[in-house]
Amino acid sequence: MKHFIEVVTCVECSAATLYQVPQVFYFAQKEVLHPVDPLFDYKRHALTDPCVRALRRIFVLCDHDMDGALNDEELNEFLVRCFSAPLQPSEIAEVKTIVEQKVPEGVNSIGLTFPGFIYVHNMFLKKGQTETLWAVLRKFGYDNDLKLWDDFLPVPSKQASDQDRSLRPAEVDKLFDTAPESPWNDAPYKDAAEKTDMGYISLNGFLSQTLLEPQRSLANLIDIGYNGNPTAALRVTHRRSVDHKKQTTEKNVFQCYVFGSKHAGKSALLYSLPGKAFIK
């Protein structure tokens, strides 16, 4: 197993004598129910990025006062939710001591910080207790691909840290640090939003990004922490045929296509529109 790090378990058995055959089925079942691959990167010998992002979302959700650490009450609430068993004060103190010895920044005066939270789960994984980590992930709505189920739990809302009604690149990264990945790094989102004179995404630009793919936007809202029913964020209006018949519409969002030859001025036309009022 030292030469093949991707091998999780090695069991010596015999079909003839039935030696350790039950153990073979046990570990096979364990790998199906609690797979290691989505959680652990064998090359880096660390948790995978999607796993870290999922744990960050869970940490943010459990950090009710949003002070960057789980105090004893928040930590016990997390344990009760996942395992139906709180820890005694002495046991919590022991856990903190172990974490602080291995990861000094994992504990502060308030409680367990995110690096400490990650260390605890990494420790379970390295001990082969994948079922413990999966119990946490599934309790908070993650499937085997570390994607959220439909019956997810909302997390506290985020906002621009400087309250300037625009998002800097660092704020965009922080916005999606609880998502499996940033959905705005690739087309059709990349460089598609209205920006301020400083090159930051404006409020209108942010809203327009969420409307490019409405179905995907609902998942994005959950990942970034929309604190409410995500389906209430979008309103479905009448079909266009009904609007044509009534010669009126309730829509306030329209999808338009601009066609033209190269260098005809398509981009210039679009860049001239943001900020202008819509006149019927």
Protein backbone atom coordinates (compact mmCIF):
# COMPACT_ATOMS: atom_id res chain seq x y z
CA MET A 1 0.00 0.00 0.00
CA LYS A 2 3.00 2.31 0.40
CA HIS A 3 3.68 1.98 -3.32
CA PHE A 4 0.03 2.43 -4.35
CA ILE A 5 -1.30 5.34 -2.31
CA GLU A 6 -4.67 5.20 -4.06
CA VAL A 7 -5.38 1.82 -2.42
CA VAL A 8 -7.56 2.52 0.61
CA THR A 9 -7.84 -0.95 2.14
CA CYS A 10 -5.94 -4.21 1.73
CA VAL A 11 -7.38 -7.41 3.23
CA GLU A 12 -5.80 -10.86 3.15
CA CYS A 13 -8.55 -13.42 2.59
CA SER A 14 -9.31 -16.89 1.24
CA ALA A 15 -12.36 -18.02 -0.70
CA ALA A 16 -11.43 -21.65 0.00
CA THR A 17 -11.32 -21.36 3.79
CA LEU A 18 -13.59 -18.29 4.00
CA TYR A 19 -10.81 -16.56 5.92
CA GLN A 20 -11.80 -12.88 6.45
CA VAL A 21 -14.42 -13.02 3.69
CA PRO A 22 -16.90 -11.01 5.84
CA GLN A 23 -14.26 -8.28 6.18
CA VAL A 24 -13.96 -8.08 2.39
CA PHE A 25 -17.69 -7.48 2.03
CA TYR A 26 -17.62 -5.01 4.92
CA PHE A 27 -14.93 -2.83 3.34
CA ALA A 28 -16.53 -3.13 -0.10
CA GLN A 29 -19.83 -1.91 1.32
CA LYS A 30 -18.06 0.85 3.22
CA GLU A 31 -16.41 2.12 0.04
CA VAL A 32 -19.78 2.30 -1.71
CA LEU A 33 -21.60 4.00 1.17
CA HIS A 34 -18.73 6.21 2.33
CA PRO A 35 -16.35 6.72 -0.64
CA VAL A 36 -12.95 8.25 -0.01
CA ASP A 37 -12.22 9.68 -3.48
CA PRO A 38 -14.54 12.73 -3.25
CA LEU A 39 -12.99 13.63 0.11
CA PHE A 40 -9.26 13.00 -0.14
CA ASP A 41 -6.62 14.06 -2.67
CA TYR A 42 -3.99 11.32 -2.66
CA LYS A 43 -1.37 13.41 -4.46
CA ARG A 44 -1.58 16.35 -2.05
CA HIS A 45 -2.38 14.09 0.90
CA ALA A 46 -5.10 16.51 1.95
CA LEU A 47 -8.84 17.08 1.70
CA THR A 48 -10.12 17.84 -1.80
CA ASP A 49 -11.09 21.41 -2.63
CA PRO A 50 -14.83 20.56 -3.00
CA CYS A 51 -14.72 18.90 0.42
CA VAL A 52 -13.07 21.95 2.00
CA ARG A 53 -15.66 24.23 0.39
CA ALA A 54 -18.49 22.05 1.68
CA LEU A 55 -17.03 22.08 5.19
CA ARG A 56 -16.61 25.85 4.98
CA ARG A 57 -20.32 26.21 4.21
CA ILE A 58 -21.17 23.94 7.14
CA PHE A 59 -18.88 25.95 9.42
CA VAL A 60 -20.50 29.24 8.33
CA LEU A 61 -23.95 27.78 8.89
CA CYS A 62 -23.05 26.65 12.42
CA ASP A 63 -21.31 29.91 13.30
CA HIS A 64 -24.56 31.69 14.17
CA ASP A 65 -22.96 34.87 15.50
CA MET A 66 -20.54 34.92 12.53
CA ASP A 67 -17.50 35.70 14.69
CA GLY A 68 -15.25 33.24 12.84
CA ALA A 69 -15.23 30.54 15.52
CA LEU A 70 -17.53 27.91 17.00
CA ASN A 71 -18.04 28.48 20.71
CA ASP A 72 -18.93 25.55 22.98
CA GLU A 73 -22.66 26.03 22.47
CA GLU A 74 -22.37 26.20 18.67
CA LEU A 75 -20.02 23.21 18.62
CA ASN A 76 -22.41 21.12 20.70
CA GLU A 77 -25.34 22.14 18.52
CA PHE A 78 -23.35 20.93 15.50
CA LEU A 79 -22.60 17.60 17.21
CA VAL A 80 -26.22 17.06 18.25
CA ARG A 81 -27.42 17.79 14.71
CA CYS A 82 -24.96 15.34 13.16
CA PHE A 83 -24.58 12.63 15.79
CA SER A 84 -27.35 13.28 18.35
CA ALA A 85 -24.71 13.39 21.08
CA PRO A 86 -23.23 16.51 22.74
CA LEU A 87 -19.84 16.61 24.46
CA GLN A 88 -19.25 17.41 28.09
CA PRO A 89 -17.30 20.63 28.83
CA SER A 90 -14.24 18.58 29.80
CA GLU A 91 -14.42 16.67 26.49
CA ILE A 92 -14.69 19.90 24.48
CA ALA A 93 -11.67 21.27 26.34
CA GLU A 94 -9.74 18.10 25.51
CA VAL A 95 -10.59 18.41 21.81
CA LYS A 96 -9.46 22.04 21.79
CA THR A 97 -6.19 21.10 23.47
CA ILE A 98 -5.44 18.44 20.85
CA VAL A 99 -6.30 20.80 18.00
CA GLU A 100 -4.22 23.64 19.46
CA GLN A 101 -1.20 21.36 19.78
CA LYS A 102 -1.39 20.37 16.12
CA VAL A 103 -2.84 23.55 14.60
CA PRO A 104 -2.17 26.61 16.81
CA GLU A 105 -4.48 28.81 14.71
CA GLY A 106 -7.24 26.19 15.00
CA VAL A 107 -8.39 27.55 18.36
CA ASN A 108 -8.80 31.11 19.63
CA SER A 109 -10.32 32.76 22.70
CA ILE A 110 -13.82 32.18 21.33
CA GLY A 111 -13.59 28.55 20.29
CA LEU A 112 -12.81 26.31 17.31
CA THR A 113 -11.81 28.23 14.16
CA PHE A 114 -12.18 26.98 10.59
CA PRO A 115 -8.58 25.58 10.38
CA GLY A 116 -9.32 23.63 13.56
CA PHE A 117 -12.65 22.48 12.16
CA ILE A 118 -10.84 21.21 9.05
CA TYR A 119 -8.16 19.50 11.15
CA VAL A 120 -10.74 17.54 13.16
CA HIS A 121 -12.42 16.19 10.03
CA ASN A 122 -9.08 15.48 8.37
CA MET A 123 -8.08 13.51 11.47
CA PHE A 124 -11.20 11.34 11.21
CA LEU A 125 -10.47 10.69 7.55
CA LYS A 126 -6.85 9.70 8.14
CA LYS A 127 -8.01 7.26 10.83
CA GLY A 128 -10.22 5.59 8.24
CA GLN A 129 -13.45 6.90 9.77
CA THR A 130 -14.95 8.08 6.49
CA GLU A 131 -18.44 7.37 7.80
CA THR A 132 -17.99 10.18 10.35
CA LEU A 133 -17.19 12.80 7.72
CA TRP A 134 -19.96 11.57 5.43
CA ALA A 135 -22.43 11.73 8.33
CA VAL A 136 -21.64 15.44 8.63
CA LEU A 137 -21.79 16.13 4.89
CA ARG A 138 -25.05 14.27 4.35
CA LYS A 139 -26.66 15.89 7.36
CA PHE A 140 -26.06 19.23 5.69
CA GLY A 141 -27.43 18.16 2.32
CA TYR A 142 -24.49 16.83 0.28
CA ASP A 143 -24.60 13.82 -2.03
CA ASN A 144 -21.70 11.55 -3.07
CA ASP A 145 -20.53 14.16 -5.59
CA LEU A 146 -20.50 16.84 -2.88
CA LYS A 147 -23.41 18.62 -4.54
CA LEU A 148 -26.32 19.96 -2.54
CA TRP A 149 -29.56 18.01 -2.44
CA ASP A 150 -32.86 19.80 -2.96
CA ASP A 151 -33.66 19.75 0.77
CA PHE A 152 -30.66 21.86 1.70
CA LEU A 153 -30.25 24.16 4.68
CA PRO A 154 -29.84 27.93 4.13
CA VAL A 155 -26.80 29.72 5.55
CA PRO A 156 -26.41 33.29 6.89
CA SER A 157 -26.48 35.96 4.19
CA LYS A 158 -23.30 37.54 2.90
CA GLN A 159 -22.79 41.09 1.69
CA ALA A 160 -20.10 43.37 0.33
CA SER A 161 -17.69 43.95 3.19
CA ASP A 162 -17.20 47.65 2.39
CA GLN A 163 -20.91 48.36 1.72
CA ASP A 164 -20.13 50.23 -1.54
CA ARG A 165 -22.80 48.39 -3.59
CA SER A 166 -20.14 46.80 -5.78
CA LEU A 167 -18.05 43.62 -5.63
CA ARG A 168 -14.27 43.66 -5.90
CA PRO A 169 -12.52 40.51 -7.25
CA ALA A 170 -11.59 39.46 -3.69
CA GLU A 171 -15.21 39.90 -2.58
CA VAL A 172 -16.42 37.76 -5.50
CA ASP A 173 -13.98 35.02 -4.43
CA LYS A 174 -15.24 35.23 -0.85
CA LEU A 175 -18.84 35.22 -2.06
CA PHE A 176 -18.37 31.79 -3.62
CA ASP A 177 -15.96 30.29 -1.08
CA THR A 178 -18.78 28.08 0.24
CA ALA A 179 -19.75 26.90 -3.27
CA PRO A 180 -18.26 23.84 -5.03
CA GLU A 181 -16.64 26.30 -7.46
CA SER A 182 -17.09 29.86 -8.66
CA PRO A 183 -19.70 29.83 -11.46
CA TRP A 184 -18.52 33.17 -12.84
CA ASN A 185 -15.06 32.09 -13.99
CA ASP A 186 -16.23 30.73 -17.34
CA ALA A 187 -18.57 31.70 -20.19
CA PRO A 188 -21.24 32.99 -20.38
CA TYR A 189 -20.54 34.73 -17.05
CA LYS A 190 -16.93 35.82 -17.40
CA ASP A 191 -16.67 39.54 -18.24
CA ALA A 192 -20.42 39.64 -18.98
CA ALA A 193 -21.58 41.90 -16.14
CA GLU A 194 -21.84 45.67 -15.90
CA LYS A 195 -18.90 47.09 -13.95
CA THR A 196 -18.14 50.34 -12.18
CA ASP A 197 -15.47 52.83 -13.26
CA MET A 198 -13.07 50.96 -10.96
CA GLY A 199 -13.76 47.69 -12.78
CA TYR A 200 -15.84 46.16 -9.97
CA ILE A 201 -19.15 44.32 -10.51
CA SER A 202 -22.04 46.70 -9.84
CA LEU A 203 -25.32 45.78 -8.17
CA ASN A 204 -27.09 45.78 -11.54
CA GLY A 205 -24.28 43.65 -12.94
CA PHE A 206 -24.67 41.18 -10.09
CA LEU A 207 -28.42 40.93 -10.71
CA SER A 208 -27.92 40.44 -14.44
CA GLN A 209 -25.45 37.60 -13.81
CA THR A 210 -28.07 35.71 -11.82
CA LEU A 211 -30.53 35.89 -14.73
CA LEU A 212 -28.37 34.31 -17.44
CA GLU A 213 -29.35 30.79 -16.35
CA PRO A 214 -32.29 30.98 -13.90
CA GLN A 215 -32.23 27.29 -12.97
CA ARG A 216 -28.54 27.36 -12.15
CA SER A 217 -28.99 30.66 -10.34
CA LEU A 218 -31.19 28.98 -7.73
CA ALA A 219 -28.34 26.62 -6.86
CA ASN A 220 -25.92 29.57 -6.79
CA LEU A 221 -28.18 31.44 -4.36
CA ILE A 222 -28.04 28.56 -1.92
CA ASP A 223 -24.27 28.25 -2.22
CA ILE A 224 -23.66 31.94 -1.49
CA GLY A 225 -26.10 31.99 1.42
CA TYR A 226 -29.52 33.23 0.29
CA ASN A 227 -31.41 33.23 3.58
CA GLY A 228 -34.87 32.18 2.47
CA ASN A 229 -36.84 30.11 -0.01
CA PRO A 230 -34.74 30.19 -3.22
CA THR A 231 -37.74 29.61 -5.47
CA ALA A 232 -39.22 32.89 -4.22
CA ALA A 233 -36.27 34.81 -5.65
CA LEU A 234 -37.49 34.35 -9.23
CA ARG A 235 -41.01 34.95 -10.48
CA VAL A 236 -42.41 33.06 -13.47
CA THR A 237 -44.60 35.27 -15.67
CA HIS A 238 -47.07 34.54 -18.47
CA ARG A 239 -45.95 32.90 -21.69
CA ARG A 240 -45.00 35.28 -24.48
CA SER A 241 -48.02 34.19 -26.52
CA VAL A 242 -50.29 35.52 -23.76
CA ASP A 243 -48.38 38.81 -23.68
CA HIS A 244 -48.71 39.17 -27.47
CA LYS A 245 -52.43 38.57 -27.26
CA LYS A 246 -52.97 41.11 -24.47
CA GLN A 247 -50.45 43.57 -25.92
CA THR A 248 -48.96 44.00 -22.44
CA THR A 249 -46.44 42.23 -20.23
CA GLU A 250 -45.48 41.79 -16.59
CA LYS A 251 -41.89 40.95 -17.44
CA ASN A 252 -39.08 43.22 -16.31
CA VAL A 253 -36.31 41.03 -17.74
CA PHE A 254 -35.87 40.37 -21.45
CA GLN A 255 -33.38 38.19 -23.27
CA CYS A 256 -32.24 39.78 -26.52
CA TYR A 257 -29.78 38.71 -29.20
CA VAL A 258 -27.58 41.09 -31.19
CA PHE A 259 -26.41 39.93 -34.62
CA GLY A 260 -23.84 41.61 -36.81
CA SER A 261 -20.61 41.13 -38.68
CA LYS A 262 -17.22 41.41 -37.02
CA HIS A 263 -16.34 44.96 -35.88
CA ALA A 264 -19.85 46.15 -36.72
CA GLY A 265 -20.23 47.72 -33.27
CA LYS A 266 -22.17 45.05 -31.37
CA SER A 267 -20.11 45.41 -28.20
CA ALA A 268 -20.16 49.21 -28.41
CA LEU A 269 -23.95 49.12 -28.62
CA LEU A 270 -24.26 46.87 -25.58
CA TYR A 271 -21.74 48.86 -23.53
CA SER A 272 -23.76 52.03 -24.21
CA LEU A 273 -26.95 50.60 -22.68
CA PRO A 274 -26.12 50.02 -18.95
CA GLY A 275 -27.41 52.81 -16.75
CA LYS A 276 -29.99 54.06 -19.22
CA ALA A 277 -33.69 54.01 -18.38
CA PHE A 278 -36.02 51.64 -20.19
CA ILE A 279 -38.69 53.54 -22.13
CA LYS A 280 -41.76 51.67 -23.30
